[in-house]
Protein backbone atom coordinates (compact mmCIF):
# COMPACT_ATOMS: atom_id res chain seq x y z
CA UNK A 1 0.03 0.40 0.04
CA UNK A 2 2.97 1.88 0.69
CA UNK A 3 4.69 1.36 -2.28
CA UNK A 4 1.34 2.10 -3.80
CA UNK A 5 0.85 5.33 -2.77
CA UNK A 6 4.12 6.40 -3.32
CA UNK A 7 3.92 5.54 -6.64
CA UNK A 8 0.53 7.02 -7.75
CA UNK A 9 1.70 10.20 -5.95
CA UNK A 10 4.50 10.44 -8.43
CA UNK A 11 2.82 9.40 -11.05
CA UNK A 12 0.12 12.09 -10.71
CA UNK A 13 2.46 14.58 -10.27
CA UNK A 14 4.40 13.73 -13.67
CA UNK A 15 1.42 13.87 -15.86
CA UNK A 16 -0.05 17.19 -13.72
CA UNK A 17 3.33 18.73 -14.76
CA UNK A 18 3.12 17.62 -18.37
CA UNK A 19 -0.10 18.57 -18.88
CA UNK A 20 0.65 21.99 -17.74
CA UNK A 21 3.65 22.45 -20.19
CA UNK A 22 1.99 21.36 -22.55
CA UNK A 23 -0.93 23.47 -22.71
CA UNK A 24 0.66 26.88 -21.08
CA UNK A 25 4.30 26.08 -21.65
CA UNK A 26 4.78 26.60 -17.52
CA UNK A 27 3.38 25.45 -14.57
CA UNK A 28 -0.02 27.03 -13.11
CA UNK A 29 -2.10 25.58 -10.57
CA UNK A 30 -6.24 25.85 -10.71
CA UNK A 31 -9.23 23.48 -9.20
CA UNK A 32 -10.44 21.94 -11.91
CA UNK A 33 -6.87 20.58 -13.26
CA UNK A 34 -5.95 20.07 -9.16
CA UNK A 35 -9.21 17.99 -8.77
CA UNK A 36 -8.67 16.00 -11.98
CA UNK A 37 -5.08 15.01 -10.46
CA UNK A 38 -6.63 13.92 -7.29
CA UNK A 39 -8.97 11.55 -9.32
CA UNK A 40 -6.40 10.27 -11.66
CA UNK A 41 -3.67 9.56 -8.29
CA UNK A 42 -6.80 7.26 -6.85
CA UNK A 43 -6.98 5.54 -10.60
CA UNK A 44 -3.14 5.22 -10.06
CA UNK A 45 -3.35 4.05 -6.09
CA UNK A 46 -6.22 1.27 -6.69
CA UNK A 47 -4.76 0.04 -10.02
CA UNK A 48 -1.06 -0.29 -8.60
CA UNK A 49 -1.95 -2.38 -5.40
CA UNK A 50 -4.01 -4.77 -7.89
CA UNK A 51 -0.50 -5.01 -9.61
CA UNK A 52 1.56 -5.30 -7.00
CA UNK A 53 -1.19 -8.04 -5.12
CA UNK A 54 -1.09 -10.04 -8.39
CA UNK A 55 2.51 -10.41 -9.09
CA UNK A 56 3.32 -11.01 -5.44
CA UNK A 57 0.39 -13.62 -4.83
CA UNK A 58 0.81 -15.12 -7.66
CA UNK A 59 4.43 -16.05 -8.54
CA UNK A 60 5.98 -18.79 -6.57
CA UNK A 61 8.37 -20.69 -8.78
CA UNK A 62 11.88 -20.80 -7.99
CA UNK A 63 14.94 -19.84 -9.48
CA UNK A 64 16.63 -23.22 -11.45
CA UNK A 65 20.12 -23.84 -11.34
CA UNK A 66 22.28 -22.81 -14.69
CA UNK A 67 21.66 -24.28 -17.95
CA UNK A 68 24.57 -26.23 -19.68
CA UNK A 69 27.32 -24.20 -20.58
CA UNK A 70 27.33 -25.70 -24.44
CA UNK A 71 23.58 -25.02 -24.95
CA UNK A 72 24.15 -21.26 -23.56
CA UNK A 73 26.57 -20.78 -26.50
CA UNK A 74 24.71 -22.36 -29.05
CA UNK A 75 21.69 -20.07 -27.73
CA UNK A 76 23.58 -16.86 -27.98
CA UNK A 77 24.98 -17.65 -31.26
CA UNK A 78 21.24 -18.30 -32.74
CA UNK A 79 19.89 -15.20 -31.03
CA UNK A 80 22.48 -13.27 -32.54
CA UNK A 81 22.36 -14.41 -36.01
CA UNK A 82 18.42 -14.09 -35.54
CA UNK A 83 19.21 -10.27 -34.59
CA UNK A 84 21.46 -9.56 -37.22
CA UNK A 85 18.89 -11.13 -40.01
CA UNK A 86 16.44 -8.34 -38.34
CA UNK A 87 18.67 -5.20 -38.58
CA UNK A 88 20.36 -6.76 -41.95
CA UNK A 89 17.48 -4.33 -43.60
CA UNK A 90 18.62 -1.39 -42.11
CA UNK A 91 22.43 -2.00 -42.68
CA UNK A 92 21.57 -2.16 -46.71
CA UNK A 93 19.02 0.76 -46.31
CA UNK A 94 21.61 3.25 -44.82
CA UNK A 95 25.09 1.26 -46.49
CA UNK A 96 27.46 2.18 -45.55
CA UNK A 97 26.37 3.18 -42.51
CA UNK A 98 24.79 6.54 -40.08
CA UNK A 99 27.35 9.30 -39.96
CA UNK A 100 26.78 12.37 -37.99
CA UNK A 101 28.63 15.41 -37.77
CA UNK A 102 29.62 14.71 -34.12
CA UNK A 103 30.76 10.83 -35.96
CA UNK A 104 32.85 12.97 -38.79
CA UNK A 105 34.43 14.66 -36.05
CA UNK A 106 35.70 11.72 -34.47
CA UNK A 107 37.25 10.46 -37.71
CA UNK A 108 38.72 13.78 -38.38
CA UNK A 109 40.34 13.51 -35.57
CA UNK A 110 41.62 10.31 -35.36
CA UNK A 111 42.69 11.13 -38.44
CA UNK A 112 44.73 13.66 -37.31
CA UNK A 113 42.98 16.20 -39.05
CA UNK A 114 41.66 18.22 -36.20
CA UNK A 115 42.99 18.61 -32.93
CA UNK A 116 42.43 15.51 -30.14
CA UNK A 117 39.41 16.26 -27.66
CA UNK A 118 37.24 14.32 -25.02
CA UNK A 119 34.34 16.11 -25.94
CA UNK A 120 33.69 13.21 -27.78
CA UNK A 121 35.06 10.71 -25.39
CA UNK A 122 38.95 9.65 -27.02
CA UNK A 123 37.96 6.15 -26.34
CA UNK A 124 35.43 5.86 -28.24
CA UNK A 125 37.78 7.47 -30.55
CA UNK A 126 40.24 4.71 -30.36
CA UNK A 127 36.93 1.98 -31.32
CA UNK A 128 36.94 4.16 -34.56
CA UNK A 129 40.87 4.26 -35.06
CA UNK A 130 41.26 0.25 -34.61
CA UNK A 131 38.50 -0.10 -37.86
CA UNK A 132 39.89 2.71 -39.80
CA UNK A 133 43.14 1.45 -39.86
CA UNK A 134 42.57 -1.72 -41.90
CA UNK A 135 39.91 0.27 -43.72
CA UNK A 136 42.60 2.97 -44.95
CA UNK A 137 44.79 -0.23 -45.54
CA UNK A 138 42.18 -1.16 -48.25
CA UNK A 139 41.94 2.68 -49.66
CA UNK A 140 39.25 4.76 -48.31
CA UNK A 141 37.97 5.81 -45.29
CA UNK A 142 34.45 4.53 -46.33
CA UNK A 143 35.81 0.89 -45.80
CA UNK A 144 36.86 1.53 -42.06
CA UNK A 145 33.24 2.93 -42.06
CA UNK A 146 31.71 -0.37 -43.11
CA UNK A 147 34.13 -2.23 -40.81
CA UNK A 148 33.23 -0.17 -38.12
CA UNK A 149 29.68 -0.57 -38.47
CA UNK A 150 30.22 -4.45 -39.27
CA UNK A 151 31.62 -4.91 -35.87
CA UNK A 152 29.08 -2.93 -33.67
CA UNK A 153 26.43 -4.79 -35.07
CA UNK A 154 27.78 -8.03 -34.25
CA UNK A 155 28.94 -6.72 -30.86
CA UNK A 156 26.11 -5.49 -29.79
CA UNK A 157 23.69 -8.90 -31.19
CA UNK A 158 25.98 -10.94 -29.00
CA UNK A 159 25.38 -8.54 -26.17
CA UNK A 160 21.61 -8.57 -26.56
CA UNK A 161 21.70 -12.42 -27.25
CA UNK A 162 23.71 -13.13 -24.17
CA UNK A 163 21.41 -11.28 -21.88
CA UNK A 164 18.52 -13.60 -23.07
CA UNK A 165 19.96 -16.93 -22.23
CA UNK A 166 21.34 -14.64 -18.80
CA UNK A 167 17.59 -14.64 -17.81
CA UNK A 168 16.60 -18.07 -19.18
CA UNK A 169 18.99 -19.27 -16.70
CA UNK A 170 17.31 -17.42 -14.02
CA UNK A 171 13.88 -19.03 -15.15
CA UNK A 172 12.31 -15.59 -16.63
CA UNK A 173 8.78 -17.46 -18.11
CA UNK A 174 8.46 -17.82 -21.64
CA UNK A 175 6.66 -14.99 -22.41
CA UNK A 176 8.97 -12.38 -21.25
CA UNK A 177 11.64 -13.86 -23.27
CA UNK A 178 9.48 -13.58 -26.38
CA UNK A 179 8.83 -10.15 -25.49
CA UNK A 180 12.24 -9.48 -25.01
CA UNK A 181 13.34 -11.02 -28.23
CA UNK A 182 10.79 -9.03 -30.01
CA UNK A 183 11.92 -5.75 -28.20
CA UNK A 184 15.74 -6.35 -29.43
CA UNK A 185 14.64 -7.46 -32.94
CA UNK A 186 12.22 -5.37 -34.15
CA UNK A 187 12.69 -1.82 -32.34
CA UNK A 188 13.02 0.30 -34.85
CA UNK A 189 15.35 2.22 -33.02
CA UNK A 190 17.82 -0.71 -32.39
CA UNK A 191 18.19 -1.34 -35.93
CA UNK A 192 19.03 2.18 -36.64
CA UNK A 193 21.39 2.56 -33.86
CA UNK A 194 23.19 -0.30 -34.90
CA UNK A 195 24.12 0.88 -38.01
CA UNK A 196 24.43 4.21 -36.44
CA UNK A 197 28.51 5.28 -35.69
CA UNK A 198 27.53 6.81 -31.76
CA UNK A 199 29.34 6.77 -28.69
CA UNK A 200 25.92 5.89 -27.27
CA UNK A 201 25.81 2.46 -28.99
CA UNK A 202 28.98 0.71 -27.41
CA UNK A 203 28.14 2.42 -24.13
CA UNK A 204 24.67 0.94 -24.41
CA UNK A 205 26.59 -2.69 -24.89
CA UNK A 206 28.63 -1.93 -21.82
CA UNK A 207 25.62 -0.82 -19.76
CA UNK A 208 23.83 -3.76 -20.39
CA UNK A 209 27.08 -6.49 -19.35
CA UNK A 210 27.57 -4.27 -16.51
CA UNK A 211 24.43 -4.56 -15.17
CA UNK A 212 24.11 -8.31 -15.71
CA UNK A 213 28.23 -8.79 -13.96
CA UNK A 214 26.35 -6.59 -10.96
CA UNK A 215 23.41 -8.63 -10.23
CA UNK A 216 25.84 -11.64 -10.53
CA UNK A 217 28.08 -10.57 -7.94
CA UNK A 218 25.07 -9.47 -5.90
CA UNK A 219 23.43 -12.70 -6.09
CA UNK A 220 26.86 -14.44 -5.26
CA UNK A 221 27.33 -16.41 -8.01
CA UNK A 222 31.11 -16.67 -7.57
CA UNK A 223 31.02 -16.75 -4.00
CA UNK A 224 31.82 -20.79 -4.04
CA UNK A 225 33.96 -20.65 -7.31
CA UNK A 226 37.49 -21.60 -7.66
CA UNK A 227 40.03 -18.96 -6.61
CA UNK A 228 41.13 -18.58 -10.00
CA UNK A 229 37.41 -17.49 -11.07
CA UNK A 230 36.98 -15.01 -8.59
CA UNK A 231 39.87 -13.15 -9.91
CA UNK A 232 38.91 -13.49 -13.13
CA UNK A 233 35.23 -12.38 -12.31
CA UNK A 234 36.31 -9.29 -10.36
CA UNK A 235 38.81 -8.09 -13.07
CA UNK A 236 35.53 -8.18 -15.73
CA UNK A 237 33.69 -6.12 -13.39
CA UNK A 238 36.42 -3.65 -13.32
CA UNK A 239 36.96 -3.75 -16.97
CA UNK A 240 33.25 -3.16 -17.44
CA UNK A 241 33.24 -0.13 -14.68
CA UNK A 242 36.75 1.28 -16.73
CA UNK A 243 34.41 1.61 -19.99
CA UNK A 244 31.26 2.47 -18.17
CA UNK A 245 32.94 5.51 -16.85
CA UNK A 246 35.19 6.80 -19.89
CA UNK A 247 32.43 5.33 -23.19
CA UNK A 248 30.74 8.40 -21.90
CA UNK A 249 31.69 11.26 -19.86
CA UNK A 250 28.50 11.29 -17.74
CA UNK A 251 29.42 7.57 -17.12
CA UNK A 252 31.91 8.72 -14.78
CA UNK A 253 29.41 11.04 -12.41
CA UNK A 254 26.87 8.24 -12.49
CA UNK A 255 28.91 5.48 -11.42
CA UNK A 256 30.29 7.42 -8.48
CA UNK A 257 26.93 8.27 -7.10
CA UNK A 258 25.43 4.45 -8.10
CA UNK A 259 28.27 2.92 -6.64
CA UNK A 260 28.56 4.59 -3.38
CA UNK A 261 24.74 3.81 -2.98
CA UNK A 262 25.09 -0.04 -4.58
CA UNK A 263 27.72 -0.50 -1.74
CA UNK A 264 25.78 1.08 1.05
CA UNK A 265 23.29 -0.99 0.34
CA UNK A 266 24.69 -4.37 0.31
CA UNK A 267 27.22 -4.05 3.19
CA UNK A 268 27.12 -7.83 3.53
CA UNK A 269 29.01 -8.22 -0.06
CA UNK A 270 30.66 -5.19 -0.01
CA UNK A 271 34.36 -6.23 0.02
CA UNK A 272 34.90 -7.12 -3.73
CA UNK A 273 32.60 -4.25 -4.57
CA UNK A 274 35.00 -1.94 -2.43
CA UNK A 275 37.98 -3.24 -4.29
CA UNK A 276 36.19 -2.57 -7.96
CA UNK A 277 35.44 0.53 -6.71
CA UNK A 278 38.64 1.56 -5.50
CA UNK A 279 40.34 0.29 -8.30
CA UNK A 280 38.16 1.33 -11.24
CA UNK A 281 38.49 4.95 -9.67
CA UNK A 282 42.63 4.50 -9.89
CA UNK A 283 42.73 3.71 -13.58
CA UNK A 284 39.99 6.22 -14.63
CA UNK A 285 42.06 8.91 -13.03
CA UNK A 286 45.06 7.67 -14.05
CA UNK A 287 43.80 7.66 -17.92
CA UNK A 288 42.29 11.37 -17.42
CA UNK A 289 45.88 12.33 -16.20
CA UNK A 290 47.74 10.87 -18.92
CA UNK A 291 44.64 11.62 -21.57
CA UNK A 292 44.76 15.50 -20.71
CA UNK A 293 48.20 16.34 -18.77
CA UNK A 294 50.82 13.80 -21.15
CA UNK A 295 48.83 13.89 -24.16
CA UNK A 296 47.28 17.17 -24.24
CA UNK A 297 43.39 16.06 -25.07
CA UNK A 298 41.28 18.74 -24.68
CA UNK A 299 38.67 18.52 -22.21
CA UNK A 300 35.25 19.01 -22.71
CA UNK A 301 33.95 22.69 -22.47
CA UNK A 302 32.37 23.84 -19.44
CA UNK A 303 29.31 25.23 -20.98
CA UNK A 304 28.36 21.55 -22.33
CA UNK A 305 27.37 20.85 -18.64
CA UNK A 306 26.12 24.11 -18.04
CA UNK A 307 23.10 24.13 -20.21
CA UNK A 308 20.23 24.00 -17.61
CA UNK A 309 21.84 27.06 -15.73
CA UNK A 310 22.29 29.10 -18.95
CA UNK A 311 18.60 28.01 -19.75
CA UNK A 312 17.34 29.47 -16.62
CA UNK A 313 19.01 32.62 -16.97
CA UNK A 314 17.99 33.21 -20.47
CA UNK A 315 14.25 33.03 -19.31
CA UNK A 316 14.56 35.02 -16.24
CA UNK A 317 16.23 37.65 -18.95
CA UNK A 318 13.40 36.56 -21.47
CA UNK A 319 9.95 36.49 -19.17
CA UNK A 320 10.45 38.57 -16.34
CA UNK A 321 12.47 41.89 -17.60
CA UNK A 322 14.86 41.96 -14.76
CA UNK A 323 16.97 44.71 -14.00
CA UNK A 324 20.08 44.05 -15.37
CA UNK A 325 21.93 46.73 -13.49
CA UNK A 326 21.41 45.12 -10.31
CA UNK A 327 24.98 43.74 -9.16
CA UNK A 328 24.22 39.75 -9.60
CA UNK A 329 23.70 40.23 -13.69
CA UNK A 330 26.56 42.64 -13.98
CA UNK A 331 28.41 40.01 -12.28
CA UNK A 332 27.15 37.23 -14.73
CA UNK A 333 27.89 39.50 -17.76
CA UNK A 334 31.40 39.07 -17.37
CA UNK A 335 30.22 35.20 -18.91
CA UNK A 336 27.29 36.25 -20.45
CA UNK A 337 28.07 39.52 -22.86
CA UNK A 338 25.04 40.26 -24.33
CA UNK A 339 21.97 39.54 -22.62
CA UNK A 340 19.78 40.56 -25.73
CA UNK A 341 21.11 37.85 -27.72
CA UNK A 342 20.63 35.43 -24.98
CA UNK A 343 17.02 36.16 -24.59
CA UNK A 344 16.79 36.28 -28.38
CA UNK A 345 18.64 32.53 -28.80
CA UNK A 346 16.57 30.83 -25.66
CA UNK A 347 14.28 27.85 -26.94
CA UNK A 348 13.03 26.01 -23.91
CA UNK A 349 14.22 22.29 -24.66
CA UNK A 350 17.48 22.83 -26.19
CA UNK A 351 20.28 25.34 -24.87
CA UNK A 352 23.08 24.13 -27.92
CA UNK A 353 22.14 27.99 -29.03
CA UNK A 354 23.10 29.86 -26.32
CA UNK A 355 26.13 27.85 -24.57
CA UNK A 356 28.45 28.62 -27.67
CA UNK A 357 28.40 31.11 -30.68
CA UNK A 358 30.15 33.30 -28.31
CA UNK A 359 26.73 34.24 -25.98
CA UNK A 360 28.64 31.97 -22.95
CA UNK A 361 32.50 32.27 -22.36
CA UNK A 362 33.68 29.31 -21.08
CA UNK A 363 36.81 30.28 -20.65
CA UNK A 364 36.25 33.40 -17.78
CA UNK A 365 33.82 31.11 -16.38
CA UNK A 366 36.36 28.15 -15.80
CA UNK A 367 39.03 31.06 -13.98
CA UNK A 368 36.27 31.69 -10.90
CA UNK A 369 33.12 29.57 -11.61
CA UNK A 370 32.58 30.37 -7.47
CA UNK A 371 31.93 33.84 -8.79
CA UNK A 372 29.14 32.87 -11.27
CA UNK A 373 27.71 30.29 -9.43
CA UNK A 374 26.81 32.28 -5.98
CA UNK A 375 25.13 35.04 -8.18
CA UNK A 376 23.32 32.56 -10.41
CA UNK A 377 21.62 31.22 -7.02
CA UNK A 378 21.07 34.75 -5.93
CA UNK A 379 19.07 35.14 -8.77
CA UNK A 380 17.08 32.01 -8.85
CA UNK A 381 15.77 33.13 -5.20
CA UNK A 382 14.41 35.99 -7.14
CA UNK A 383 12.97 34.15 -9.98
CA UNK A 384 12.07 30.73 -8.13
CA UNK A 385 9.41 30.07 -10.31
CA UNK A 386 10.97 30.64 -13.52
CA UNK A 387 14.21 28.67 -13.07
CA UNK A 388 11.50 25.58 -12.14
CA UNK A 389 9.55 26.16 -15.66
CA UNK A 390 12.94 26.71 -17.29
CA UNK A 391 14.19 23.55 -15.42
CA UNK A 392 11.05 21.94 -16.45
CA UNK A 393 10.98 22.37 -19.68
CA UNK A 394 14.53 21.68 -20.73
CA UNK A 395 14.23 18.17 -18.76
CA UNK A 396 10.58 17.35 -19.98
CA UNK A 397 11.80 15.17 -22.51
CA UNK A 398 13.54 12.83 -20.03
CA UNK A 399 10.50 12.46 -17.62
CA UNK A 400 7.18 13.01 -19.42
CA UNK A 401 5.45 9.99 -20.79
CA UNK A 402 3.44 12.18 -23.42
CA UNK A 403 6.45 12.70 -25.05
CA UNK A 404 7.82 11.01 -28.10
CA UNK A 405 11.48 11.62 -28.56
CA UNK A 406 12.91 8.66 -30.27
CA UNK A 407 15.51 10.48 -32.19
CA UNK A 408 17.07 8.68 -34.80
CA UNK A 409 19.53 9.20 -37.49
CA UNK A 410 19.34 8.22 -41.18
CA UNK A 411 21.89 10.38 -43.28
CA UNK A 412 25.76 11.07 -43.71
CA UNK A 413 26.41 14.47 -42.76
CA UNK A 414 28.14 16.25 -45.78
CA UNK A 415 31.66 15.60 -45.25
CA UNK A 416 35.06 15.79 -47.16
CA UNK A 417 35.77 11.97 -47.32
CA UNK A 418 33.33 11.27 -50.31
CA UNK A 419 31.07 9.47 -47.70
CA UNK A 420 27.65 9.30 -48.90
CA UNK A 421 24.53 6.68 -49.11
CA UNK A 422 23.49 4.83 -52.44
CA UNK A 423 20.43 6.34 -54.41
CA UNK A 424 19.39 2.42 -55.01
CA UNK A 425 18.70 1.93 -51.49
CA UNK A 426 16.19 5.13 -50.71
CA UNK A 427 13.40 3.47 -51.29
CA UNK A 428 14.20 0.98 -48.81
CA UNK A 429 15.72 3.40 -46.28
CA UNK A 430 12.69 5.78 -47.11
CA UNK A 431 10.35 2.57 -45.90
CA UNK A 432 11.98 2.20 -42.36
CA UNK A 433 11.95 5.74 -41.88
CA UNK A 434 8.00 5.81 -42.32
CA UNK A 435 7.69 2.30 -40.50
CA UNK A 436 9.74 4.05 -37.69
CA UNK A 437 7.32 7.42 -37.82
CA UNK A 438 4.34 5.13 -37.52
CA UNK A 439 5.17 2.49 -34.80
CA UNK A 440 6.34 5.71 -32.68
CA UNK A 441 3.07 8.03 -33.59
CA UNK A 442 0.99 4.82 -32.63
CA UNK A 443 -1.95 5.28 -29.60
CA UNK A 444 -0.91 1.41 -28.60
CA UNK A 445 3.10 1.45 -29.49
CA UNK A 446 4.10 5.12 -29.01
CA UNK A 447 4.88 4.94 -25.54
CA UNK A 448 8.27 2.38 -26.27
CA UNK A 449 9.39 5.41 -27.85
CA UNK A 450 8.95 7.64 -24.74
CA UNK A 451 11.58 8.03 -22.47
CA UNK A 452 9.51 8.98 -19.35
CA UNK A 453 7.30 5.69 -19.83
CA UNK A 454 10.91 3.75 -20.20
CA UNK A 455 11.77 5.96 -16.41
CA UNK A 456 8.23 4.79 -15.49
CA UNK A 457 9.17 1.19 -16.09
CA UNK A 458 12.40 1.29 -14.35
CA UNK A 459 10.66 2.94 -10.99
CA UNK A 460 8.01 -0.12 -11.42
CA UNK A 461 10.85 -2.48 -11.34
CA UNK A 462 12.71 -1.20 -8.84
CA UNK A 463 9.45 -0.85 -6.64
CA UNK A 464 8.49 -4.56 -7.44
CA UNK A 465 11.80 -6.10 -6.76
CA UNK A 466 12.33 -4.28 -3.44
CA UNK A 467 8.47 -5.72 -2.56
CA UNK A 468 10.00 -9.11 -3.22
CA UNK A 469 12.71 -8.77 -1.07
CA UNK A 470 15.24 -8.97 -3.93
CA UNK A 471 17.85 -5.59 -3.03
CA UNK A 472 20.34 -7.77 -4.88
CA UNK A 473 18.36 -7.14 -8.45
CA UNK A 474 17.30 -4.53 -7.24
CA UNK A 475 19.97 -1.88 -6.75
CA UNK A 476 22.13 -1.67 -9.65
CA UNK A 477 19.40 0.36 -10.77
CA UNK A 478 20.80 3.00 -8.33
CA UNK A 479 23.33 3.41 -10.90
CA UNK A 480 20.75 3.48 -14.01
CA UNK A 481 19.33 6.17 -11.84
CA UNK A 482 22.27 8.36 -11.66
CA UNK A 483 22.96 8.15 -15.13
CA UNK A 484 19.16 9.27 -15.90
CA UNK A 485 20.03 11.91 -13.74
CA UNK A 486 23.03 13.07 -15.31
CA UNK A 487 21.93 13.09 -18.44
CA UNK A 488 19.03 15.64 -17.88
CA UNK A 489 22.34 18.27 -18.09
CA UNK A 490 22.39 17.36 -21.41
CA UNK A 491 22.09 20.52 -23.81
CA UNK A 492 19.24 18.76 -25.03
CA UNK A 493 16.57 16.13 -25.12
CA UNK A 494 18.04 13.16 -27.23
CA UNK A 495 16.95 9.61 -27.07
CA UNK A 496 20.40 7.80 -27.38
CA UNK A 497 21.59 10.09 -24.06
CA UNK A 498 19.54 7.18 -22.22
CA UNK A 499 19.94 4.27 -24.99
CA UNK A 500 21.77 2.96 -22.38
CA UNK A 501 18.69 2.57 -19.84
CA UNK A 502 16.60 1.12 -22.74
CA UNK A 503 18.16 -1.91 -23.60
CA UNK A 504 18.53 -3.02 -19.70
CA UNK A 505 14.37 -2.54 -19.37
CA UNK A 506 13.82 -5.95 -20.71
CA UNK A 507 16.42 -7.64 -18.49
CA UNK A 508 15.18 -5.53 -15.19
CA UNK A 509 11.38 -6.02 -16.11
CA UNK A 510 11.46 -9.64 -16.71
CA UNK A 511 13.45 -10.31 -13.42
CA UNK A 512 11.11 -8.13 -11.29
CA UNK A 513 8.27 -10.29 -12.54
CA UNK A 514 9.72 -13.75 -12.88
CA UNK A 515 11.47 -13.67 -9.42
CA UNK A 516 9.73 -14.80 -6.56
CA UNK A 517 9.31 -13.23 -3.35
CA UNK A 518 11.66 -13.67 -0.59
CA UNK A 519 11.20 -13.51 3.56
CA UNK A 520 7.62 -12.88 2.84
CA UNK A 521 4.44 -14.86 2.82
CA UNK A 522 1.48 -13.38 1.14
CA UNK A 523 -0.41 -16.34 0.50
CA UNK A 524 -3.57 -17.22 2.27
CA UNK A 525 -3.30 -20.56 2.80
CA UNK A 526 -2.63 -22.34 6.02
CA UNK A 527 0.48 -24.14 6.18
CA UNK A 528 -0.15 -28.17 6.38
CA UNK A 529 0.88 -30.31 9.32
CA UNK A 530 4.11 -32.03 9.24
CA UNK A 531 3.85 -35.84 9.22
CA UNK A 532 4.74 -37.65 12.51
């Protein structure tokens, strides 16, 4: 009842804010909407109580032992082939692959045509370089792109199929296994992303493997193993932790926040977790020292992570007509020279126009950040509601289930390498794009293309696992929650920013539904007397 009441309050607030922002572009409180919200809360409460009651009272099977290793390998390879077959039309339609301006920027850096920068993580650029080298040996960048896309498709298909076999070992129901296979195979975002040079695709693979490894670790899968296996499993956990921290820039912050919570809630198993945490931090910080201080790569500009604060200031200037000659605005003018330009370029859901083009001076901010943060806070105390509206509008795509943010890339950006997609496959490309648009706008399936709905599935899975006493399976979601929180600081809302969360939903939702309840008795049947 407490869980249902908590979630019903959270979901009602989400729907209320969504309605207000979509209708008014700001949050207003009126009696009619508040009464509707109360009715919606009652509906959510009784629905959630019924759903929780059903899963807690009608799922009493136990987890079986691991299936034979040979069977798991065969099934993994078969499923991987099935996924590749389903993604083949996307590869043909977008051949040699989808390349955004960011993708081409990474290629240019690895070819020595642009200065090395960690704006797009260098670890991912190294992955690109490994594929480019044999491609260049054959005579062109195009061959390197083809090698990269094929490698990405192979790795992603193997990771997805491995997650299915892992769920099978834990006795996930056949219906949920079939649903997971269909999701990985026919979800159009998976198809398009598999042939796109995004850092978010290998990061999603790493995230899924990281979650599976953590679940194995917390469930004690290695506690009775040989010493060599315990060491190798710890090594794998550290490697995945390192990649999680370095393949996406916000992965480092998500790891630190989420892993600390993971240790706190699993103190009985904290020894190996603490070792993995400390070793990972040492490796990651050593890597950053070598990258920035020895190699001399450029760090990400501070404006990239200050999009949200800039949005708040821009909204105050454009909506409130403040006194720009007051002390705090004069201080901020050192990093925002032209307030009129700031207001004219303000877009509620995208900070890209105001964090660049000379509107925000990152170099000046970096010299004394505390000075400008204090003024930003003081202005916020004068205009708290404007700050709140700016925050909600900027992050709306990350939490609003009514917002469809399934962005895909279906082209090769203009470039100097002679890369382009074939006109002969344009009809197939158009068909797949239209299929994606149709499914993402279909009233039944459109929630699957909303980041906000995916977040709801995570919250539901986490709550159900806690109710069932499956703390060891629920707590890895802390890291995913931290990843989602750090993603909201991005310049705008794009689906690939949280793609790592999306690919783990079949895993956590299936385990939440299939795992038995531990430590509680929800059955109303009387226990049978022991026969003498």
